[in-house]
Amino acid sequence: MQQNPEKPKAPKPAPPTSAQVREERLKAALKANMGRRKAQARAQALARADDADDDTKNK
């Protein structure tokens, strides 16, 4: 009976190239920027809705 048969180890993945690193960095920056822009748009829409509510209450 064999004990712990040796499995061939998978080769280590190659380190990412500078182009891959740059692409990942840009992807993360774009995602963060889109999140900020969406939050800003939501805040502006809420402010416009509040202004519209105030205008209708004053009339």
Foldseek 3Di string as FASTA:
>chain_A
DDDPDDDDDDDDDDPDDPVVVVVVVVVVVVVVVVVVVVVVVVVVVVVVVVVVVVVVVVD
